[in-house]
Amino acid sequence: KAAIAAGVRVLVEEAGIKMDDIDRVYLAGGFGNHINVDSAFTIGLLPRELKGKVESIGNAAGNGAVEGLLSRRLLAQAEAIKKKIRYIELSAYPAFSDLYIDCMLFE
C-alpha cells in the first residue's frame, strides 16, 4: 500500500503536475481487475484527489500486443508512446523513503 501510494506521488512530482491535472487513471492486469477502488481510496492506496478518475481496464498488455499485431497504425502509435517513456527507479529517488513512511499510515 505504502509503496504504491508513494510511487504515485513520485510520478506526479516527476511529471511536474498536480493530482488535479490528472484526468484518468487506468488500473490494468490482475491488480486492476480485482481491486476494490473505493477501498483503495479509503486506505490511502490511491490519492483521494483521483476519486472518480480511476478505471479498471483488464489485461491491457495482452490486448495491446494483439492490437499491435493486427494494426500497423496502432503499432506505430505504441512505438511513438514508447519513445516518450522515462524510467524512474523509485528506490533511488531521494524522497521516496520519506514518502513511503508517510504513506504507511491508514487515514
PDB file of N, CA and C in Angstrom:
ATOM      1  N   LYS A   1       0.833  -1.183   0.000  1.00  0.00           N
ATOM      2  CA  LYS A   1       0.000   0.000   0.000  1.00  0.00           C
ATOM      3  C   LYS A   1       0.875   1.242   0.000  1.00  0.00           C
ATOM      4  N   ALA A   2       1.830   1.283   0.909  1.00  0.00           N
ATOM      5  CA  ALA A   2       2.680   2.463   1.027  1.00  0.00           C
ATOM      6  C   ALA A   2       3.545   2.665  -0.215  1.00  0.00           C
ATOM      7  N   ALA A   3       4.062   1.570  -0.768  1.00  0.00           N
ATOM      8  CA  ALA A   3       4.931   1.682  -1.952  1.00  0.00           C
ATOM      9  C   ALA A   3       4.154   2.219  -3.148  1.00  0.00           C
ATOM     10  N   ILE A   4       2.947   1.742  -3.338  1.00  0.00           N
ATOM     11  CA  ILE A   4       2.131   2.223  -4.464  1.00  0.00           C
ATOM     12  C   ILE A   4       1.752   3.683  -4.257  1.00  0.00           C
ATOM     13  N   ALA A   5       1.283   4.013  -3.061  1.00  0.00           N
ATOM     14  CA  ALA A   5       0.885   5.390  -2.777  1.00  0.00           C
ATOM     15  C   ALA A   5       2.063   6.351  -2.942  1.00  0.00           C
ATOM     16  N   ALA A   6       3.225   5.976  -2.426  1.00  0.00           N
ATOM     17  CA  ALA A   6       4.407   6.826  -2.563  1.00  0.00           C
ATOM     18  C   ALA A   6       4.849   6.899  -4.026  1.00  0.00           C
ATOM     19  N   GLY A   7       4.765   5.779  -4.735  1.00  0.00           N
ATOM     20  CA  GLY A   7       5.124   5.761  -6.156  1.00  0.00           C
ATOM     21  C   GLY A   7       4.271   6.699  -6.979  1.00  0.00           C
ATOM     22  N   VAL A   8       2.982   6.736  -6.698  1.00  0.00           N
ATOM     23  CA  VAL A   8       2.082   7.661  -7.406  1.00  0.00           C
ATOM     24  C   VAL A   8       2.527   9.091  -7.158  1.00  0.00           C
ATOM     25  N   ARG A   9       2.845   9.412  -5.931  1.00  0.00           N
ATOM     26  CA  ARG A   9       3.265  10.778  -5.599  1.00  0.00           C
ATOM     27  C   ARG A   9       4.584  11.147  -6.296  1.00  0.00           C
ATOM     28  N   VAL A  10       5.514  10.200  -6.350  1.00  0.00           N
ATOM     29  CA  VAL A  10       6.784  10.449  -7.037  1.00  0.00           C
ATOM     30  C   VAL A  10       6.534  10.708  -8.527  1.00  0.00           C
ATOM     31  N   LEU A  11       5.708   9.891  -9.141  1.00  0.00           N
ATOM     32  CA  LEU A  11       5.445  10.070 -10.574  1.00  0.00           C
ATOM     33  C   LEU A  11       4.797  11.410 -10.880  1.00  0.00           C
ATOM     34  N   VAL A  12       3.872  11.820 -10.033  1.00  0.00           N
ATOM     35  CA  VAL A  12       3.223  13.125 -10.218  1.00  0.00           C
ATOM     36  C   VAL A  12       4.254  14.239 -10.070  1.00  0.00           C
ATOM     37  N   GLU A  13       5.097  14.124  -9.052  1.00  0.00           N
ATOM     38  CA  GLU A  13       6.141  15.131  -8.838  1.00  0.00           C
ATOM     39  C   GLU A  13       7.106  15.184 -10.018  1.00  0.00           C
ATOM     40  N   GLU A  14       7.544  14.023 -10.486  1.00  0.00           N
ATOM     41  CA  GLU A  14       8.481  13.956 -11.609  1.00  0.00           C
ATOM     42  C   GLU A  14       7.873  14.492 -12.899  1.00  0.00           C
ATOM     43  N   ALA A  15       6.574  14.336 -13.050  1.00  0.00           N
ATOM     44  CA  ALA A  15       5.891  14.849 -14.244  1.00  0.00           C
ATOM     45  C   ALA A  15       5.689  16.362 -14.166  1.00  0.00           C
ATOM     46  N   GLY A  16       5.903  16.935 -12.979  1.00  0.00           N
ATOM     47  CA  GLY A  16       5.733  18.373 -12.816  1.00  0.00           C
ATOM     48  C   GLY A  16       4.280  18.804 -12.853  1.00  0.00           C
ATOM     49  N   ILE A  17       3.402  17.921 -12.391  1.00  0.00           N
ATOM     50  CA  ILE A  17       1.974  18.223 -12.403  1.00  0.00           C
ATOM     51  C   ILE A  17       1.411  18.099 -10.990  1.00  0.00           C
ATOM     52  N   LYS A  18       0.117  18.387 -10.870  1.00  0.00           N
ATOM     53  CA  LYS A  18      -0.603  18.199  -9.616  1.00  0.00           C
ATOM     54  C   LYS A  18      -1.612  17.081  -9.819  1.00  0.00           C
ATOM     55  N   MET A  19      -2.062  16.495  -8.740  1.00  0.00           N
ATOM     56  CA  MET A  19      -3.079  15.435  -8.836  1.00  0.00           C
ATOM     57  C   MET A  19      -4.297  15.912  -9.612  1.00  0.00           C
ATOM     58  N   ASP A  20      -4.668  17.175  -9.410  1.00  0.00           N
ATOM     59  CA  ASP A  20      -5.845  17.718 -10.088  1.00  0.00           C
ATOM     60  C   ASP A  20      -5.676  17.792 -11.606  1.00  0.00           C
ATOM     61  N   ASP A  21      -4.430  17.748 -12.084  1.00  0.00           N
ATOM     62  CA  ASP A  21      -4.170  17.789 -13.526  1.00  0.00           C
ATOM     63  C   ASP A  21      -4.459  16.451 -14.206  1.00  0.00           C
ATOM     64  N   ILE A  22      -4.611  15.398 -13.418  1.00  0.00           N
ATOM     65  CA  ILE A  22      -4.828  14.056 -13.968  1.00  0.00           C
ATOM     66  C   ILE A  22      -6.305  13.864 -14.284  1.00  0.00           C
ATOM     67  N   ASP A  23      -6.582  13.520 -15.538  1.00  0.00           N
ATOM     68  CA  ASP A  23      -7.970  13.305 -15.976  1.00  0.00           C
ATOM     69  C   ASP A  23      -8.436  11.875 -15.779  1.00  0.00           C
ATOM     70  N   ARG A  24      -7.534  10.906 -15.949  1.00  0.00           N
ATOM     71  CA  ARG A  24      -7.932   9.499 -15.898  1.00  0.00           C
ATOM     72  C   ARG A  24      -6.744   8.649 -15.460  1.00  0.00           C
ATOM     73  N   VAL A  25      -7.035   7.642 -14.643  1.00  0.00           N
ATOM     74  CA  VAL A  25      -6.035   6.661 -14.211  1.00  0.00           C
ATOM     75  C   VAL A  25      -6.564   5.289 -14.591  1.00  0.00           C
ATOM     76  N   TYR A  26      -5.738   4.519 -15.289  1.00  0.00           N
ATOM     77  CA  TYR A  26      -6.132   3.176 -15.701  1.00  0.00           C
ATOM     78  C   TYR A  26      -5.397   2.154 -14.846  1.00  0.00           C
ATOM     79  N   LEU A  27      -6.138   1.242 -14.250  1.00  0.00           N
ATOM     80  CA  LEU A  27      -5.554   0.140 -13.489  1.00  0.00           C
ATOM     81  C   LEU A  27      -5.664  -1.110 -14.342  1.00  0.00           C
ATOM     82  N   ALA A  28      -4.538  -1.762 -14.581  1.00  0.00           N
ATOM     83  CA  ALA A  28      -4.503  -2.887 -15.514  1.00  0.00           C
ATOM     84  C   ALA A  28      -4.124  -4.186 -14.817  1.00  0.00           C
ATOM     85  N   GLY A  29      -4.290  -5.269 -15.542  1.00  0.00           N
ATOM     86  CA  GLY A  29      -3.887  -6.596 -15.077  1.00  0.00           C
ATOM     87  C   GLY A  29      -4.750  -7.105 -13.941  1.00  0.00           C
ATOM     88  N   GLY A  30      -4.221  -8.117 -13.255  1.00  0.00           N
ATOM     89  CA  GLY A  30      -4.947  -8.706 -12.132  1.00  0.00           C
ATOM     90  C   GLY A  30      -5.201  -7.685 -11.042  1.00  0.00           C
ATOM     91  N   PHE A  31      -4.232  -6.804 -10.823  1.00  0.00           N
ATOM     92  CA  PHE A  31      -4.391  -5.745  -9.827  1.00  0.00           C
ATOM     93  C   PHE A  31      -5.607  -4.891 -10.158  1.00  0.00           C
ATOM     94  N   GLY A  32      -5.679  -4.435 -11.384  1.00  0.00           N
ATOM     95  CA  GLY A  32      -6.779  -3.572 -11.801  1.00  0.00           C
ATOM     96  C   GLY A  32      -8.115  -4.277 -11.842  1.00  0.00           C
ATOM     97  N   ASN A  33      -8.097  -5.561 -12.189  1.00  0.00           N
ATOM     98  CA  ASN A  33      -9.347  -6.321 -12.287  1.00  0.00           C
ATOM     99  C   ASN A  33      -9.965  -6.631 -10.939  1.00  0.00           C
ATOM    100  N   HIS A  34      -9.131  -6.838  -9.935  1.00  0.00           N
ATOM    101  CA  HIS A  34      -9.637  -7.364  -8.675  1.00  0.00           C
ATOM    102  C   HIS A  34      -9.637  -6.376  -7.518  1.00  0.00           C
ATOM    103  N   ILE A  35      -9.101  -5.198  -7.734  1.00  0.00           N
ATOM    104  CA  ILE A  35      -9.054  -4.228  -6.652  1.00  0.00           C
ATOM    105  C   ILE A  35     -10.426  -3.587  -6.451  1.00  0.00           C
ATOM    106  N   ASN A  36     -10.773  -3.354  -5.208  1.00  0.00           N
ATOM    107  CA  ASN A  36     -11.966  -2.579  -4.887  1.00  0.00           C
ATOM    108  C   ASN A  36     -11.503  -1.126  -4.819  1.00  0.00           C
ATOM    109  N   VAL A  37     -11.855  -0.355  -5.824  1.00  0.00           N
ATOM    110  CA  VAL A  37     -11.340   1.009  -5.958  1.00  0.00           C
ATOM    111  C   VAL A  37     -11.757   1.875  -4.767  1.00  0.00           C
ATOM    112  N   ASP A  38     -12.984   1.726  -4.298  1.00  0.00           N
ATOM    113  CA  ASP A  38     -13.428   2.517  -3.146  1.00  0.00           C
ATOM    114  C   ASP A  38     -12.572   2.211  -1.919  1.00  0.00           C
ATOM    115  N   SER A  39     -12.267   0.930  -1.717  1.00  0.00           N
ATOM    116  CA  SER A  39     -11.410   0.551  -0.587  1.00  0.00           C
ATOM    117  C   SER A  39      -9.996   1.098  -0.762  1.00  0.00           C
ATOM    118  N   ALA A  40      -9.517   1.135  -2.006  1.00  0.00           N
ATOM    119  CA  ALA A  40      -8.182   1.674  -2.273  1.00  0.00           C
ATOM    120  C   ALA A  40      -8.099   3.142  -1.864  1.00  0.00           C
ATOM    121  N   PHE A  41      -9.158   3.887  -2.084  1.00  0.00           N
ATOM    122  CA  PHE A  41      -9.185   5.285  -1.641  1.00  0.00           C
ATOM    123  C   PHE A  41      -9.288   5.362  -0.121  1.00  0.00           C
ATOM    124  N   THR A  42     -10.107   4.502   0.462  1.00  0.00           N
ATOM    125  CA  THR A  42     -10.321   4.521   1.907  1.00  0.00           C
ATOM    126  C   THR A  42      -9.029   4.295   2.681  1.00  0.00           C
ATOM    127  N   ILE A  43      -8.203   3.360   2.231  1.00  0.00           N
ATOM    128  CA  ILE A  43      -6.968   3.047   2.964  1.00  0.00           C
ATOM    129  C   ILE A  43      -5.784   3.910   2.536  1.00  0.00           C
ATOM    130  N   GLY A  44      -5.966   4.765   1.529  1.00  0.00           N
ATOM    131  CA  GLY A  44      -4.884   5.640   1.092  1.00  0.00           C
ATOM    132  C   GLY A  44      -3.961   5.048   0.054  1.00  0.00           C
ATOM    133  N   LEU A  45      -4.358   3.915  -0.531  1.00  0.00           N
ATOM    134  CA  LEU A  45      -3.561   3.319  -1.602  1.00  0.00           C
ATOM    135  C   LEU A  45      -3.540   4.257  -2.807  1.00  0.00           C
ATOM    136  N   LEU A  46      -4.685   4.830  -3.105  1.00  0.00           N
ATOM    137  CA  LEU A  46      -4.814   5.811  -4.186  1.00  0.00           C
ATOM    138  C   LEU A  46      -5.160   7.163  -3.570  1.00  0.00           C
ATOM    139  N   PRO A  47      -4.573   8.243  -4.075  1.00  0.00           N
ATOM    140  CA  PRO A  47      -4.869   9.575  -3.535  1.00  0.00           C
ATOM    141  C   PRO A  47      -6.331   9.954  -3.751  1.00  0.00           C
ATOM    142  N   ARG A  48      -6.925  10.529  -2.736  1.00  0.00           N
ATOM    143  CA  ARG A  48      -8.346  10.914  -2.808  1.00  0.00           C
ATOM    144  C   ARG A  48      -8.638  11.890  -3.952  1.00  0.00           C
ATOM    145  N   GLU A  49      -7.615  12.660  -4.351  1.00  0.00           N
ATOM    146  CA  GLU A  49      -7.809  13.623  -5.447  1.00  0.00           C
ATOM    147  C   GLU A  49      -8.149  12.928  -6.763  1.00  0.00           C
ATOM    148  N   LEU A  50      -7.884  11.626  -6.844  1.00  0.00           N
ATOM    149  CA  LEU A  50      -8.146  10.880  -8.089  1.00  0.00           C
ATOM    150  C   LEU A  50      -9.510  10.185  -8.084  1.00  0.00           C
ATOM    151  N   LYS A  51     -10.275  10.371  -7.023  1.00  0.00           N
ATOM    152  CA  LYS A  51     -11.588   9.727  -6.925  1.00  0.00           C
ATOM    153  C   LYS A  51     -12.454  10.141  -8.112  1.00  0.00           C
ATOM    154  N   GLY A  52     -13.083   9.154  -8.732  1.00  0.00           N
ATOM    155  CA  GLY A  52     -13.913   9.390  -9.910  1.00  0.00           C
ATOM    156  C   GLY A  52     -13.131   9.399 -11.217  1.00  0.00           C
ATOM    157  N   LYS A  53     -11.817   9.223 -11.136  1.00  0.00           N
ATOM    158  CA  LYS A  53     -10.968   9.260 -12.326  1.00  0.00           C
ATOM    159  C   LYS A  53     -10.311   7.916 -12.614  1.00  0.00           C
ATOM    160  N   VAL A  54     -10.613   6.903 -11.814  1.00  0.00           N
ATOM    161  CA  VAL A  54      -9.947   5.602 -11.923  1.00  0.00           C
ATOM    162  C   VAL A  54     -10.830   4.615 -12.674  1.00  0.00           C
ATOM    163  N   GLU A  55     -10.210   3.899 -13.609  1.00  0.00           N
ATOM    164  CA  GLU A  55     -10.927   2.901 -14.405  1.00  0.00           C
ATOM    165  C   GLU A  55     -10.091   1.619 -14.497  1.00  0.00           C
ATOM    166  N   SER A  56     -10.700   0.493 -14.199  1.00  0.00           N
ATOM    167  CA  SER A  56     -10.040  -0.804 -14.372  1.00  0.00           C
ATOM    168  C   SER A  56     -10.200  -1.230 -15.827  1.00  0.00           C
ATOM    169  N   ILE A  57      -9.081  -1.647 -16.453  1.00  0.00           N
ATOM    170  CA  ILE A  57      -9.143  -1.963 -17.888  1.00  0.00           C
ATOM    171  C   ILE A  57      -8.720  -3.389 -18.236  1.00  0.00           C
ATOM    172  N   GLY A  58      -8.515  -4.219 -17.245  1.00  0.00           N
ATOM    173  CA  GLY A  58      -8.217  -5.621 -17.528  1.00  0.00           C
ATOM    174  C   GLY A  58      -6.812  -5.853 -18.048  1.00  0.00           C
ATOM    175  N   ASN A  59      -6.689  -6.805 -18.961  1.00  0.00           N
ATOM    176  CA  ASN A  59      -5.391  -7.239 -19.472  1.00  0.00           C
ATOM    177  C   ASN A  59      -4.896  -6.294 -20.565  1.00  0.00           C
ATOM    178  N   ALA A  60      -4.437  -5.126 -20.165  1.00  0.00           N
ATOM    179  CA  ALA A  60      -4.011  -4.106 -21.121  1.00  0.00           C
ATOM    180  C   ALA A  60      -2.802  -4.556 -21.941  1.00  0.00           C
ATOM    181  N   ALA A  61      -1.855  -5.247 -21.304  1.00  0.00           N
ATOM    182  CA  ALA A  61      -0.659  -5.688 -22.023  1.00  0.00           C
ATOM    183  C   ALA A  61      -1.030  -6.703 -23.101  1.00  0.00           C
ATOM    184  N   GLY A  62      -1.835  -7.666 -22.750  1.00  0.00           N
ATOM    185  CA  GLY A  62      -2.261  -8.677 -23.723  1.00  0.00           C
ATOM    186  C   GLY A  62      -3.078  -8.072 -24.855  1.00  0.00           C
ATOM    187  N   ASN A  63      -4.005  -7.214 -24.507  1.00  0.00           N
ATOM    188  CA  ASN A  63      -4.832  -6.568 -25.529  1.00  0.00           C
ATOM    189  C   ASN A  63      -3.984  -5.676 -26.437  1.00  0.00           C
ATOM    190  N   GLY A  64      -3.028  -4.972 -25.847  1.00  0.00           N
ATOM    191  CA  GLY A  64      -2.148  -4.118 -26.643  1.00  0.00           C
ATOM    192  C   GLY A  64      -1.278  -4.919 -27.594  1.00  0.00           C
ATOM    193  N   ALA A  65      -0.814  -6.073 -27.140  1.00  0.00           N
ATOM    194  CA  ALA A  65       0.001  -6.935 -28.007  1.00  0.00           C
ATOM    195  C   ALA A  65      -0.814  -7.418 -29.198  1.00  0.00           C
ATOM    196  N   VAL A  66      -2.035  -7.832 -28.953  1.00  0.00           N
ATOM    197  CA  VAL A  66      -2.909  -8.291 -30.040  1.00  0.00           C
ATOM    198  C   VAL A  66      -3.184  -7.151 -31.017  1.00  0.00           C
ATOM    199  N   GLU A  67      -3.519  -5.968 -30.475  1.00  0.00           N
ATOM    200  CA  GLU A  67      -3.794  -4.817 -31.351  1.00  0.00           C
ATOM    201  C   GLU A  67      -2.572  -4.448 -32.182  1.00  0.00           C
ATOM    202  N   GLY A  68      -1.370  -4.513 -31.570  1.00  0.00           N
ATOM    203  CA  GLY A  68      -0.148  -4.201 -32.301  1.00  0.00           C
ATOM    204  C   GLY A  68       0.126  -5.177 -33.425  1.00  0.00           C
ATOM    205  N   LEU A  69      -0.236  -6.433 -33.211  1.00  0.00           N
ATOM    206  CA  LEU A  69      -0.060  -7.451 -34.258  1.00  0.00           C
ATOM    207  C   LEU A  69      -1.057  -7.286 -35.392  1.00  0.00           C
ATOM    208  N   LEU A  70      -2.229  -6.766 -35.077  1.00  0.00           N
ATOM    209  CA  LEU A  70      -3.296  -6.675 -36.071  1.00  0.00           C
ATOM    210  C   LEU A  70      -3.394  -5.325 -36.776  1.00  0.00           C
ATOM    211  N   SER A  71      -2.761  -4.298 -36.228  1.00  0.00           N
ATOM    212  CA  SER A  71      -2.914  -2.961 -36.795  1.00  0.00           C
ATOM    213  C   SER A  71      -1.573  -2.236 -36.851  1.00  0.00           C
ATOM    214  N   ARG A  72      -1.131  -1.900 -38.041  1.00  0.00           N
ATOM    215  CA  ARG A  72       0.114  -1.137 -38.192  1.00  0.00           C
ATOM    216  C   ARG A  72      -0.028   0.258 -37.571  1.00  0.00           C
ATOM    217  N   ARG A  73      -1.210   0.839 -37.685  1.00  0.00           N
ATOM    218  CA  ARG A  73      -1.446   2.171 -37.130  1.00  0.00           C
ATOM    219  C   ARG A  73      -1.302   2.148 -35.605  1.00  0.00           C
ATOM    220  N   LEU A  74      -1.903   1.156 -34.958  1.00  0.00           N
ATOM    221  CA  LEU A  74      -1.812   1.066 -33.506  1.00  0.00           C
ATOM    222  C   LEU A  74      -0.397   0.696 -33.048  1.00  0.00           C
ATOM    223  N   LEU A  75       0.302  -0.109 -33.839  1.00  0.00           N
ATOM    224  CA  LEU A  75       1.692  -0.434 -33.519  1.00  0.00           C
ATOM    225  C   LEU A  75       2.552   0.830 -33.600  1.00  0.00           C
ATOM    226  N   ALA A  76       2.334   1.648 -34.616  1.00  0.00           N
ATOM    227  CA  ALA A  76       3.077   2.903 -34.750  1.00  0.00           C
ATOM    228  C   ALA A  76       2.751   3.846 -33.594  1.00  0.00           C
ATOM    229  N   GLN A  77       1.509   3.851 -33.171  1.00  0.00           N
ATOM    230  CA  GLN A  77       1.106   4.679 -32.036  1.00  0.00           C
ATOM    231  C   GLN A  77       1.817   4.211 -30.756  1.00  0.00           C
ATOM    232  N   ALA A  78       1.897   2.905 -30.566  1.00  0.00           N
ATOM    233  CA  ALA A  78       2.588   2.354 -29.402  1.00  0.00           C
ATOM    234  C   ALA A  78       4.080   2.704 -29.449  1.00  0.00           C
ATOM    235  N   GLU A  79       4.682   2.643 -30.618  1.00  0.00           N
ATOM    236  CA  GLU A  79       6.100   2.998 -30.775  1.00  0.00           C
ATOM    237  C   GLU A  79       6.320   4.469 -30.417  1.00  0.00           C
ATOM    238  N   ALA A  80       5.401   5.329 -30.825  1.00  0.00           N
ATOM    239  CA  ALA A  80       5.524   6.760 -30.506  1.00  0.00           C
ATOM    240  C   ALA A  80       5.421   6.988 -29.002  1.00  0.00           C
ATOM    241  N   ILE A  81       4.532   6.282 -28.352  1.00  0.00           N
ATOM    242  CA  ILE A  81       4.391   6.396 -26.899  1.00  0.00           C
ATOM    243  C   ILE A  81       5.649   5.883 -26.216  1.00  0.00           C
ATOM    244  N   LYS A  82       6.185   4.776 -26.709  1.00  0.00           N
ATOM    245  CA  LYS A  82       7.393   4.180 -26.125  1.00  0.00           C
ATOM    246  C   LYS A  82       8.552   5.173 -26.090  1.00  0.00           C
ATOM    247  N   LYS A  83       8.664   6.002 -27.101  1.00  0.00           N
ATOM    248  CA  LYS A  83       9.763   6.968 -27.182  1.00  0.00           C
ATOM    249  C   LYS A  83       9.635   8.083 -26.144  1.00  0.00           C
ATOM    250  N   LYS A  84       8.435   8.276 -25.615  1.00  0.00           N
ATOM    251  CA  LYS A  84       8.206   9.333 -24.623  1.00  0.00           C
ATOM    252  C   LYS A  84       8.385   8.847 -23.185  1.00  0.00           C
ATOM    253  N   ILE A  85       8.500   7.544 -22.999  1.00  0.00           N
ATOM    254  CA  ILE A  85       8.559   6.979 -21.657  1.00  0.00           C
ATOM    255  C   ILE A  85       9.928   7.212 -21.035  1.00  0.00           C
ATOM    256  N   ARG A  86       9.910   7.571 -19.748  1.00  0.00           N
ATOM    257  CA  ARG A  86      11.144   7.740 -18.978  1.00  0.00           C
ATOM    258  C   ARG A  86      11.042   6.858 -17.744  1.00  0.00           C
ATOM    259  N   TYR A  87      12.030   6.021 -17.544  1.00  0.00           N
ATOM    260  CA  TYR A  87      12.053   5.101 -16.414  1.00  0.00           C
ATOM    261  C   TYR A  87      12.487   5.847 -15.160  1.00  0.00           C
ATOM    262  N   ILE A  88      11.784   5.621 -14.058  1.00  0.00           N
ATOM    263  CA  ILE A  88      12.144   6.226 -12.783  1.00  0.00           C
ATOM    264  C   ILE A  88      12.336   5.099 -11.773  1.00  0.00           C
ATOM    265  N   GLU A  89      13.536   4.984 -11.240  1.00  0.00           N
ATOM    266  CA  GLU A  89      13.851   3.972 -10.232  1.00  0.00           C
ATOM    267  C   GLU A  89      13.456   4.533  -8.870  1.00  0.00           C
ATOM    268  N   LEU A  90      12.341   4.026  -8.334  1.00  0.00           N
ATOM    269  CA  LEU A  90      11.827   4.563  -7.076  1.00  0.00           C
ATOM    270  C   LEU A  90      12.803   4.389  -5.922  1.00  0.00           C
ATOM    271  N   SER A  91      13.480   3.258  -5.855  1.00  0.00           N
ATOM    272  CA  SER A  91      14.395   3.024  -4.730  1.00  0.00           C
ATOM    273  C   SER A  91      15.570   4.000  -4.725  1.00  0.00           C
ATOM    274  N   ALA A  92      15.879   4.600  -5.856  1.00  0.00           N
ATOM    275  CA  ALA A  92      16.970   5.564  -5.948  1.00  0.00           C
ATOM    276  C   ALA A  92      16.470   7.010  -5.856  1.00  0.00           C
ATOM    277  N   TYR A  93      15.173   7.184  -5.798  1.00  0.00           N
ATOM    278  CA  TYR A  93      14.594   8.530  -5.740  1.00  0.00           C
ATOM    279  C   TYR A  93      14.809   9.106  -4.340  1.00  0.00           C
ATOM    280  N   PRO A  94      15.425  10.273  -4.223  1.00  0.00           N
ATOM    281  CA  PRO A  94      15.814  10.798  -2.914  1.00  0.00           C
ATOM    282  C   PRO A  94      14.686  10.866  -1.878  1.00  0.00           C
ATOM    283  N   ALA A  95      13.498  11.297  -2.267  1.00  0.00           N
ATOM    284  CA  ALA A  95      12.404  11.488  -1.311  1.00  0.00           C
ATOM    285  C   ALA A  95      11.528  10.246  -1.135  1.00  0.00           C
ATOM    286  N   PHE A  96      11.832   9.168  -1.851  1.00  0.00           N
ATOM    287  CA  PHE A  96      10.928   8.013  -1.815  1.00  0.00           C
ATOM    288  C   PHE A  96      10.786   7.423  -0.416  1.00  0.00           C
ATOM    289  N   SER A  97      11.877   7.271   0.300  1.00  0.00           N
ATOM    290  CA  SER A  97      11.818   6.670   1.641  1.00  0.00           C
ATOM    291  C   SER A  97      10.908   7.468   2.565  1.00  0.00           C
ATOM    292  N   ASP A  98      11.032   8.785   2.533  1.00  0.00           N
ATOM    293  CA  ASP A  98      10.183   9.623   3.379  1.00  0.00           C
ATOM    294  C   ASP A  98       8.715   9.529   2.960  1.00  0.00           C
ATOM    295  N   LEU A  99       8.473   9.555   1.664  1.00  0.00           N
ATOM    296  CA  LEU A  99       7.101   9.413   1.174  1.00  0.00           C
ATOM    297  C   LEU A  99       6.532   8.049   1.549  1.00  0.00           C
ATOM    298  N   TYR A 100       7.343   7.016   1.420  1.00  0.00           N
ATOM    299  CA  TYR A 100       6.934   5.666   1.767  1.00  0.00           C
ATOM    300  C   TYR A 100       6.485   5.589   3.224  1.00  0.00           C
ATOM    301  N   ILE A 101       7.290   6.155   4.097  1.00  0.00           N
ATOM    302  CA  ILE A 101       6.960   6.149   5.531  1.00  0.00           C
ATOM    303  C   ILE A 101       5.671   6.930   5.781  1.00  0.00           C
ATOM    304  N   ASP A 102       5.547   8.095   5.152  1.00  0.00           N
ATOM    305  CA  ASP A 102       4.319   8.892   5.304  1.00  0.00           C
ATOM    306  C   ASP A 102       3.081   8.133   4.846  1.00  0.00           C
ATOM    307  N   CYS A 103       3.242   7.327   3.798  1.00  0.00           N
ATOM    308  CA  CYS A 103       2.105   6.610   3.212  1.00  0.00           C
ATOM    309  C   CYS A 103       1.763   5.309   3.959  1.00  0.00           C
ATOM    310  N   MET A 104       2.542   4.962   4.951  1.00  0.00           N
ATOM    311  CA  MET A 104       2.267   3.735   5.711  1.00  0.00           C
ATOM    312  C   MET A 104       1.035   3.889   6.603  1.00  0.00           C
ATOM    313  N   LEU A 105       0.699   5.103   6.948  1.00  0.00           N
ATOM    314  CA  LEU A 105      -0.448   5.319   7.816  1.00  0.00           C
ATOM    315  C   LEU A 105      -1.756   5.009   7.093  1.00  0.00           C
ATOM    316  N   PHE A 106      -2.716   4.519   7.827  1.00  0.00           N
ATOM    317  CA  PHE A 106      -4.067   4.298   7.307  1.00  0.00           C
ATOM    318  C   PHE A 106      -4.929   5.418   7.853  1.00  0.00           C
ATOM    319  N   GLU A 107      -5.281   6.364   6.994  1.00  0.00           N
ATOM    320  CA  GLU A 107      -6.029   7.532   7.462  1.00  0.00           C
ATOM    321  C   GLU A 107      -7.500   7.391   7.178  1.00  0.00           C
TER     322      GLU A 107
END
